[in-house]
Amino acid sequence: MILDIVQVVLAILLTTAILLQARGASVGLAFGGSGDFYRTRRGIEKKLHIATVVLAVLFFGVALANSLFSF
């Protein structure tokens, strides 16, 4: 029961973090538009990227634990 709640909260936070990173992506990039693909992340963008990775790892761990301990 607790793992289910934690997993839902992590899913919401992970979705929010991913959507906040999508500000630079546009449809024009898919059709040959120029984009800054190889640039360094700085400031809040770097912290958001690290938080997304941490949330993804936590989500995977909780999902694995939830599947192992569900009776």
PDB file of N, CA and C in Angstrom:
ATOM      1  N   MET A   1       0.834  -1.198   0.000  1.00  0.00           N
ATOM      2  CA  MET A   1       0.000   0.000   0.000  1.00  0.00           C
ATOM      3  C   MET A   1       0.876   1.259   0.000  1.00  0.00           C
ATOM      4  N   ILE A   2       1.872   1.295   0.871  1.00  0.00           N
ATOM      5  CA  ILE A   2       2.756   2.462   0.942  1.00  0.00           C
ATOM      6  C   ILE A   2       3.571   2.586  -0.342  1.00  0.00           C
ATOM      7  N   LEU A   3       4.049   1.452  -0.851  1.00  0.00           N
ATOM      8  CA  LEU A   3       4.835   1.484  -2.082  1.00  0.00           C
ATOM      9  C   LEU A   3       4.001   1.985  -3.263  1.00  0.00           C
ATOM     10  N   ASP A   4       2.719   1.671  -3.256  1.00  0.00           N
ATOM     11  CA  ASP A   4       1.842   2.157  -4.324  1.00  0.00           C
ATOM     12  C   ASP A   4       1.741   3.680  -4.304  1.00  0.00           C
ATOM     13  N   ILE A   5       1.595   4.233  -3.122  1.00  0.00           N
ATOM     14  CA  ILE A   5       1.486   5.687  -2.986  1.00  0.00           C
ATOM     15  C   ILE A   5       2.799   6.358  -3.379  1.00  0.00           C
ATOM     16  N   VAL A   6       3.918   5.792  -2.924  1.00  0.00           N
ATOM     17  CA  VAL A   6       5.235   6.344  -3.268  1.00  0.00           C
ATOM     18  C   VAL A   6       5.450   6.293  -4.775  1.00  0.00           C
ATOM     19  N   GLN A   7       5.022   5.199  -5.402  1.00  0.00           N
ATOM     20  CA  GLN A   7       5.204   5.062  -6.845  1.00  0.00           C
ATOM     21  C   GLN A   7       4.370   6.082  -7.606  1.00  0.00           C
ATOM     22  N   VAL A   8       3.162   6.348  -7.161  1.00  0.00           N
ATOM     23  CA  VAL A   8       2.318   7.348  -7.827  1.00  0.00           C
ATOM     24  C   VAL A   8       2.920   8.741  -7.675  1.00  0.00           C
ATOM     25  N   VAL A   9       3.403   9.058  -6.478  1.00  0.00           N
ATOM     26  CA  VAL A   9       4.018  10.373  -6.250  1.00  0.00           C
ATOM     27  C   VAL A   9       5.272  10.526  -7.109  1.00  0.00           C
ATOM     28  N   LEU A  10       6.095   9.484  -7.167  1.00  0.00           N
ATOM     29  CA  LEU A  10       7.298   9.541  -8.002  1.00  0.00           C
ATOM     30  C   LEU A  10       6.943   9.675  -9.480  1.00  0.00           C
ATOM     31  N   ALA A  11       5.880   9.011  -9.905  1.00  0.00           N
ATOM     32  CA  ALA A  11       5.453   9.114 -11.304  1.00  0.00           C
ATOM     33  C   ALA A  11       5.026  10.542 -11.644  1.00  0.00           C
ATOM     34  N   ILE A  12       4.318  11.173 -10.745  1.00  0.00           N
ATOM     35  CA  ILE A  12       3.888  12.561 -10.978  1.00  0.00           C
ATOM     36  C   ILE A  12       5.089  13.496 -11.016  1.00  0.00           C
ATOM     37  N   LEU A  13       6.011  13.331 -10.066  1.00  0.00           N
ATOM     38  CA  LEU A  13       7.205  14.178 -10.039  1.00  0.00           C
ATOM     39  C   LEU A  13       8.083  13.954 -11.270  1.00  0.00           C
ATOM     40  N   LEU A  14       8.227  12.706 -11.693  1.00  0.00           N
ATOM     41  CA  LEU A  14       9.045  12.396 -12.865  1.00  0.00           C
ATOM     42  C   LEU A  14       8.425  12.974 -14.131  1.00  0.00           C
ATOM     43  N   THR A  15       7.118  12.860 -14.258  1.00  0.00           N
ATOM     44  CA  THR A  15       6.428  13.439 -15.415  1.00  0.00           C
ATOM     45  C   THR A  15       6.594  14.949 -15.449  1.00  0.00           C
ATOM     46  N   THR A  16       6.480  15.582 -14.303  1.00  0.00           N
ATOM     47  CA  THR A  16       6.645  17.030 -14.227  1.00  0.00           C
ATOM     48  C   THR A  16       8.065  17.440 -14.602  1.00  0.00           C
ATOM     49  N   ALA A  17       9.050  16.709 -14.105  1.00  0.00           N
ATOM     50  CA  ALA A  17      10.445  17.037 -14.414  1.00  0.00           C
ATOM     51  C   ALA A  17      10.733  16.871 -15.903  1.00  0.00           C
ATOM     52  N   ILE A  18      10.176  15.834 -16.509  1.00  0.00           N
ATOM     53  CA  ILE A  18      10.387  15.617 -17.943  1.00  0.00           C
ATOM     54  C   ILE A  18       9.719  16.716 -18.763  1.00  0.00           C
ATOM     55  N   LEU A  19       8.518  17.093 -18.389  1.00  0.00           N
ATOM     56  CA  LEU A  19       7.815  18.142 -19.123  1.00  0.00           C
ATOM     57  C   LEU A  19       8.494  19.501 -18.984  1.00  0.00           C
ATOM     58  N   LEU A  20       9.104  19.760 -17.848  1.00  0.00           N
ATOM     59  CA  LEU A  20       9.820  21.029 -17.665  1.00  0.00           C
ATOM     60  C   LEU A  20      11.070  21.101 -18.529  1.00  0.00           C
ATOM     61  N   GLN A  21      11.648  19.956 -18.870  1.00  0.00           N
ATOM     62  CA  GLN A  21      12.836  19.945 -19.712  1.00  0.00           C
ATOM     63  C   GLN A  21      12.499  20.120 -21.184  1.00  0.00           C
ATOM     64  N   ALA A  22      11.273  19.926 -21.579  1.00  0.00           N
ATOM     65  CA  ALA A  22      10.893  19.920 -22.993  1.00  0.00           C
ATOM     66  C   ALA A  22      10.717  21.324 -23.566  1.00  0.00           C
ATOM     67  N   ARG A  23      11.180  22.346 -22.889  1.00  0.00           N
ATOM     68  CA  ARG A  23      10.947  23.718 -23.372  1.00  0.00           C
ATOM     69  C   ARG A  23      11.706  24.028 -24.651  1.00  0.00           C
ATOM     70  N   GLY A  24      12.839  23.390 -24.902  1.00  0.00           N
ATOM     71  CA  GLY A  24      13.636  23.682 -26.084  1.00  0.00           C
ATOM     72  C   GLY A  24      13.292  22.836 -27.290  1.00  0.00           C
ATOM     73  N   ALA A  25      12.485  21.822 -27.103  1.00  0.00           N
ATOM     74  CA  ALA A  25      12.157  20.925 -28.208  1.00  0.00           C
ATOM     75  C   ALA A  25      11.002  21.500 -29.020  1.00  0.00           C
ATOM     76  N   SER A  26      11.101  21.397 -30.330  1.00  0.00           N
ATOM     77  CA  SER A  26      10.017  21.854 -31.182  1.00  0.00           C
ATOM     78  C   SER A  26       9.900  20.946 -32.386  1.00  0.00           C
ATOM     79  N   VAL A  27       8.814  21.077 -33.105  1.00  0.00           N
ATOM     80  CA  VAL A  27       8.579  20.235 -34.275  1.00  0.00           C
ATOM     81  C   VAL A  27       9.571  20.570 -35.379  1.00  0.00           C
ATOM     82  N   GLY A  28      10.013  21.793 -35.454  1.00  0.00           N
ATOM     83  CA  GLY A  28      10.953  22.195 -36.493  1.00  0.00           C
ATOM     84  C   GLY A  28      12.277  21.463 -36.428  1.00  0.00           C
ATOM     85  N   LEU A  29      12.666  21.040 -35.254  1.00  0.00           N
ATOM     86  CA  LEU A  29      13.921  20.308 -35.115  1.00  0.00           C
ATOM     87  C   LEU A  29      13.847  18.935 -35.789  1.00  0.00           C
ATOM     88  N   ALA A  30      12.650  18.360 -35.847  1.00  0.00           N
ATOM     89  CA  ALA A  30      12.491  17.045 -36.456  1.00  0.00           C
ATOM     90  C   ALA A  30      12.641  17.112 -37.976  1.00  0.00           C
ATOM     91  N   PHE A  31      12.453  18.275 -38.566  1.00  0.00           N
ATOM     92  CA  PHE A  31      12.509  18.422 -40.017  1.00  0.00           C
ATOM     93  C   PHE A  31      13.753  19.160 -40.488  1.00  0.00           C
ATOM     94  N   GLY A  32      14.835  19.036 -39.748  1.00  0.00           N
ATOM     95  CA  GLY A  32      16.101  19.583 -40.194  1.00  0.00           C
ATOM     96  C   GLY A  32      16.451  20.949 -39.645  1.00  0.00           C
ATOM     97  N   GLY A  33      15.655  21.458 -38.726  1.00  0.00           N
ATOM     98  CA  GLY A  33      15.992  22.741 -38.130  1.00  0.00           C
ATOM     99  C   GLY A  33      17.213  22.614 -37.249  1.00  0.00           C
ATOM    100  N   SER A  34      17.909  23.701 -37.080  1.00  0.00           N
ATOM    101  CA  SER A  34      19.116  23.632 -36.253  1.00  0.00           C
ATOM    102  C   SER A  34      18.730  23.697 -34.781  1.00  0.00           C
ATOM    103  N   GLY A  35      19.431  22.935 -34.002  1.00  0.00           N
ATOM    104  CA  GLY A  35      19.183  22.920 -32.566  1.00  0.00           C
ATOM    105  C   GLY A  35      20.486  22.797 -31.820  1.00  0.00           C
ATOM    106  N   ASP A  36      20.468  23.172 -30.589  1.00  0.00           N
ATOM    107  CA  ASP A  36      21.663  23.078 -29.757  1.00  0.00           C
ATOM    108  C   ASP A  36      21.680  21.718 -29.063  1.00  0.00           C
ATOM    109  N   PHE A  37      22.045  20.678 -29.799  1.00  0.00           N
ATOM    110  CA  PHE A  37      22.046  19.349 -29.218  1.00  0.00           C
ATOM    111  C   PHE A  37      23.255  19.119 -28.335  1.00  0.00           C
ATOM    112  N   TYR A  38      24.385  19.678 -28.670  1.00  0.00           N
ATOM    113  CA  TYR A  38      25.626  19.406 -27.944  1.00  0.00           C
ATOM    114  C   TYR A  38      26.071  20.638 -27.171  1.00  0.00           C
ATOM    115  N   ARG A  39      25.307  20.975 -26.180  1.00  0.00           N
ATOM    116  CA  ARG A  39      25.690  22.103 -25.346  1.00  0.00           C
ATOM    117  C   ARG A  39      25.674  21.654 -23.896  1.00  0.00           C
ATOM    118  N   THR A  40      26.382  22.378 -23.079  1.00  0.00           N
ATOM    119  CA  THR A  40      26.452  21.994 -21.672  1.00  0.00           C
ATOM    120  C   THR A  40      25.256  22.562 -20.929  1.00  0.00           C
ATOM    121  N   ARG A  41      24.833  21.804 -19.939  1.00  0.00           N
ATOM    122  CA  ARG A  41      23.727  22.261 -19.102  1.00  0.00           C
ATOM    123  C   ARG A  41      24.307  23.078 -17.949  1.00  0.00           C
ATOM    124  N   ARG A  42      23.630  24.157 -17.636  1.00  0.00           N
ATOM    125  CA  ARG A  42      24.111  25.031 -16.566  1.00  0.00           C
ATOM    126  C   ARG A  42      22.961  25.441 -15.671  1.00  0.00           C
ATOM    127  N   GLY A  43      23.281  25.739 -14.450  1.00  0.00           N
ATOM    128  CA  GLY A  43      22.315  26.294 -13.517  1.00  0.00           C
ATOM    129  C   GLY A  43      21.155  25.372 -13.223  1.00  0.00           C
ATOM    130  N   ILE A  44      19.959  25.941 -13.293  1.00  0.00           N
ATOM    131  CA  ILE A  44      18.752  25.202 -12.946  1.00  0.00           C
ATOM    132  C   ILE A  44      18.499  24.062 -13.928  1.00  0.00           C
ATOM    133  N   GLU A  45      18.925  24.229 -15.177  1.00  0.00           N
ATOM    134  CA  GLU A  45      18.745  23.171 -16.172  1.00  0.00           C
ATOM    135  C   GLU A  45      19.539  21.922 -15.791  1.00  0.00           C
ATOM    136  N   LYS A  46      20.736  22.114 -15.267  1.00  0.00           N
ATOM    137  CA  LYS A  46      21.565  20.983 -14.840  1.00  0.00           C
ATOM    138  C   LYS A  46      20.951  20.303 -13.623  1.00  0.00           C
ATOM    139  N   LYS A  47      20.466  21.089 -12.672  1.00  0.00           N
ATOM    140  CA  LYS A  47      19.842  20.524 -11.478  1.00  0.00           C
ATOM    141  C   LYS A  47      18.562  19.768 -11.827  1.00  0.00           C
ATOM    142  N   LEU A  48      17.812  20.287 -12.785  1.00  0.00           N
ATOM    143  CA  LEU A  48      16.594  19.611 -13.221  1.00  0.00           C
ATOM    144  C   LEU A  48      16.915  18.292 -13.920  1.00  0.00           C
ATOM    145  N   HIS A  49      17.990  18.276 -14.690  1.00  0.00           N
ATOM    146  CA  HIS A  49      18.421  17.046 -15.354  1.00  0.00           C
ATOM    147  C   HIS A  49      18.838  15.991 -14.339  1.00  0.00           C
ATOM    148  N   ILE A  50      19.617  16.390 -13.355  1.00  0.00           N
ATOM    149  CA  ILE A  50      20.056  15.459 -12.311  1.00  0.00           C
ATOM    150  C   ILE A  50      18.855  14.955 -11.508  1.00  0.00           C
ATOM    151  N   ALA A  51      17.918  15.848 -11.191  1.00  0.00           N
ATOM    152  CA  ALA A  51      16.721  15.447 -10.453  1.00  0.00           C
ATOM    153  C   ALA A  51      15.895  14.450 -11.255  1.00  0.00           C
ATOM    154  N   THR A  52      15.829  14.630 -12.574  1.00  0.00           N
ATOM    155  CA  THR A  52      15.087  13.701 -13.426  1.00  0.00           C
ATOM    156  C   THR A  52      15.721  12.318 -13.399  1.00  0.00           C
ATOM    157  N   VAL A  53      17.037  12.269 -13.467  1.00  0.00           N
ATOM    158  CA  VAL A  53      17.738  10.977 -13.425  1.00  0.00           C
ATOM    159  C   VAL A  53      17.515  10.300 -12.076  1.00  0.00           C
ATOM    160  N   VAL A  54      17.614  11.057 -11.003  1.00  0.00           N
ATOM    161  CA  VAL A  54      17.414  10.497  -9.663  1.00  0.00           C
ATOM    162  C   VAL A  54      15.982   9.988  -9.507  1.00  0.00           C
ATOM    163  N   LEU A  55      15.011  10.768  -9.976  1.00  0.00           N
ATOM    164  CA  LEU A  55      13.616  10.349  -9.891  1.00  0.00           C
ATOM    165  C   LEU A  55      13.351   9.088 -10.715  1.00  0.00           C
ATOM    166  N   ALA A  56      13.982   8.984 -11.868  1.00  0.00           N
ATOM    167  CA  ALA A  56      13.802   7.802 -12.710  1.00  0.00           C
ATOM    168  C   ALA A  56      14.370   6.555 -12.025  1.00  0.00           C
ATOM    169  N   VAL A  57      15.538   6.688 -11.410  1.00  0.00           N
ATOM    170  CA  VAL A  57      16.144   5.558 -10.706  1.00  0.00           C
ATOM    171  C   VAL A  57      15.289   5.157  -9.502  1.00  0.00           C
ATOM    172  N   LEU A  58      14.808   6.148  -8.762  1.00  0.00           N
ATOM    173  CA  LEU A  58      13.935   5.856  -7.620  1.00  0.00           C
ATOM    174  C   LEU A  58      12.640   5.191  -8.062  1.00  0.00           C
ATOM    175  N   PHE A  59      12.062   5.683  -9.153  1.00  0.00           N
ATOM    176  CA  PHE A  59      10.825   5.104  -9.668  1.00  0.00           C
ATOM    177  C   PHE A  59      11.034   3.644 -10.066  1.00  0.00           C
ATOM    178  N   PHE A  60      12.137   3.369 -10.752  1.00  0.00           N
ATOM    179  CA  PHE A  60      12.440   2.001 -11.146  1.00  0.00           C
ATOM    180  C   PHE A  60      12.635   1.112  -9.916  1.00  0.00           C
ATOM    181  N   GLY A  61      13.356   1.612  -8.925  1.00  0.00           N
ATOM    182  CA  GLY A  61      13.585   0.837  -7.708  1.00  0.00           C
ATOM    183  C   GLY A  61      12.306   0.540  -6.956  1.00  0.00           C
ATOM    184  N   VAL A  62      11.427   1.525  -6.847  1.00  0.00           N
ATOM    185  CA  VAL A  62      10.162   1.318  -6.148  1.00  0.00           C
ATOM    186  C   VAL A  62       9.264   0.365  -6.943  1.00  0.00           C
ATOM    187  N   ALA A  63       9.275   0.478  -8.267  1.00  0.00           N
ATOM    188  CA  ALA A  63       8.483  -0.432  -9.085  1.00  0.00           C
ATOM    189  C   ALA A  63       8.981  -1.871  -8.940  1.00  0.00           C
ATOM    190  N   LEU A  64      10.288  -2.034  -8.896  1.00  0.00           N
ATOM    191  CA  LEU A  64      10.863  -3.365  -8.709  1.00  0.00           C
ATOM    192  C   LEU A  64      10.515  -3.917  -7.332  1.00  0.00           C
ATOM    193  N   ALA A  65      10.663  -3.103  -6.303  1.00  0.00           N
ATOM    194  CA  ALA A  65      10.320  -3.529  -4.946  1.00  0.00           C
ATOM    195  C   ALA A  65       8.831  -3.835  -4.837  1.00  0.00           C
ATOM    196  N   ASN A  66       8.003  -3.041  -5.504  1.00  0.00           N
ATOM    197  CA  ASN A  66       6.565  -3.253  -5.467  1.00  0.00           C
ATOM    198  C   ASN A  66       6.195  -4.579  -6.115  1.00  0.00           C
ATOM    199  N   SER A  67       6.873  -4.924  -7.191  1.00  0.00           N
ATOM    200  CA  SER A  67       6.566  -6.191  -7.854  1.00  0.00           C
ATOM    201  C   SER A  67       7.120  -7.384  -7.087  1.00  0.00           C
ATOM    202  N   LEU A  68       8.225  -7.208  -6.401  1.00  0.00           N
ATOM    203  CA  LEU A  68       8.799  -8.305  -5.625  1.00  0.00           C
ATOM    204  C   LEU A  68       8.041  -8.567  -4.328  1.00  0.00           C
ATOM    205  N   PHE A  69       7.544  -7.530  -3.694  1.00  0.00           N
ATOM    206  CA  PHE A  69       6.908  -7.669  -2.390  1.00  0.00           C
ATOM    207  C   PHE A  69       5.395  -7.698  -2.446  1.00  0.00           C
ATOM    208  N   SER A  70       4.804  -7.694  -3.620  1.00  0.00           N
ATOM    209  CA  SER A  70       3.350  -7.767  -3.695  1.00  0.00           C
ATOM    210  C   SER A  70       2.910  -9.221  -3.537  1.00  0.00           C
ATOM    211  N   PHE A  71       1.942  -9.441  -2.684  1.00  0.00           N
ATOM    212  CA  PHE A  71       1.508 -10.803  -2.396  1.00  0.00           C
ATOM    213  C   PHE A  71       0.160 -11.079  -2.987  1.00  0.00           C
TER     214      PHE A  71
END
